[in-house]
Amino acid sequence: MNNISIADILELPVQERIRLVELIWDSVAAVPEAVEISPALKVQLEARLAEFEASPEAGYSWDQVKSSLKDGSWRTA
């Protein structure tokens, strides 16, 4: 394995650093069972899922979310 320092990474062009982050993220996402979550977060996620399942029509559509991201209105919500 090659040893690369943080300083070496920070010297890479931005696009290469972004690609490195993507590769690291993909390697983490490939084994989701290895990512531990706290009991408090698990409770919160289960509550949010139950809330969604009880009222799936609540919230915002993907089109509404995209629109608010594009026009910046999410900043005032």
Protein backbone atom coordinates (compact mmCIF):
# COMPACT_ATOMS: atom_id res chain seq x y z
CA MET A 1 0.00 0.00 0.00
CA ASN A 2 1.24 3.46 -0.82
CA ASN A 3 1.51 5.93 2.03
CA ILE A 4 0.16 9.30 1.03
CA SER A 5 0.25 12.21 3.43
CA ILE A 6 -2.50 14.74 3.91
CA ALA A 7 -0.11 17.35 2.54
CA ASP A 8 0.26 15.28 -0.65
CA ILE A 9 -3.50 15.03 -0.98
CA LEU A 10 -3.95 18.78 -0.49
CA GLU A 11 -1.46 19.40 -3.29
CA LEU A 12 -3.63 17.49 -5.77
CA PRO A 13 -5.79 19.51 -8.15
CA VAL A 14 -9.35 19.97 -6.92
CA GLN A 15 -10.80 17.59 -9.50
CA GLU A 16 -8.45 14.82 -8.39
CA ARG A 17 -9.33 15.42 -4.73
CA ILE A 18 -13.02 15.23 -5.61
CA ARG A 19 -12.40 11.95 -7.43
CA LEU A 20 -10.51 10.63 -4.41
CA VAL A 21 -13.44 11.51 -2.15
CA GLU A 22 -15.82 9.74 -4.54
CA LEU A 23 -13.68 6.61 -4.48
CA ILE A 24 -13.50 6.66 -0.69
CA TRP A 25 -17.26 7.20 -0.40
CA ASP A 26 -17.98 4.35 -2.82
CA SER A 27 -15.78 2.05 -0.75
CA VAL A 28 -17.72 2.97 2.41
CA ALA A 29 -21.11 2.66 0.71
CA ALA A 30 -20.18 -0.82 -0.52
CA VAL A 31 -20.34 -2.13 3.06
CA PRO A 32 -23.16 -0.21 4.80
CA GLU A 33 -23.35 -2.79 7.57
CA ALA A 34 -19.88 -1.69 8.68
CA VAL A 35 -21.11 1.83 9.46
CA GLU A 36 -22.27 1.99 13.04
CA ILE A 37 -24.98 4.40 14.09
CA SER A 38 -25.69 5.49 17.63
CA PRO A 39 -28.80 4.21 19.40
CA ALA A 40 -30.12 7.81 19.53
CA LEU A 41 -29.75 8.23 15.78
CA LYS A 42 -31.40 4.87 15.17
CA VAL A 43 -34.40 5.95 17.26
CA GLN A 44 -34.61 9.23 15.34
CA LEU A 45 -34.43 7.48 11.96
CA GLU A 46 -37.09 4.97 12.97
CA ALA A 47 -39.37 7.81 14.13
CA ARG A 48 -38.91 9.67 10.85
CA LEU A 49 -39.64 6.51 8.86
CA ALA A 50 -42.80 5.87 10.90
CA GLU A 51 -43.87 9.50 10.34
CA PHE A 52 -43.35 9.12 6.60
CA GLU A 53 -45.19 5.80 6.45
CA ALA A 54 -48.13 7.33 8.34
CA SER A 55 -48.37 10.27 5.94
CA PRO A 56 -46.34 9.69 2.75
CA GLU A 57 -48.00 12.60 0.95
CA ALA A 58 -46.65 15.11 3.47
CA GLY A 59 -43.47 16.95 2.71
CA TYR A 60 -42.21 18.10 -0.67
CA SER A 61 -42.01 16.52 -4.09
CA TRP A 62 -38.64 16.11 -5.78
CA ASP A 63 -39.62 18.83 -8.26
CA GLN A 64 -40.37 21.23 -5.38
CA VAL A 65 -37.03 20.45 -3.75
CA LYS A 66 -35.11 20.98 -7.00
CA SER A 67 -36.91 24.24 -7.61
CA SER A 68 -36.15 25.60 -4.13
CA LEU A 69 -32.50 24.61 -4.50
CA LYS A 70 -32.24 26.33 -7.88
CA ASP A 71 -33.92 29.58 -6.85
CA GLY A 72 -32.40 29.73 -3.36
CA SER A 73 -35.78 29.87 -1.59
CA TRP A 74 -34.67 27.07 0.76
CA ARG A 75 -32.56 29.69 2.58
CA THR A 76 -35.69 31.46 3.83
CA ALA A 77 -37.67 28.39 4.82
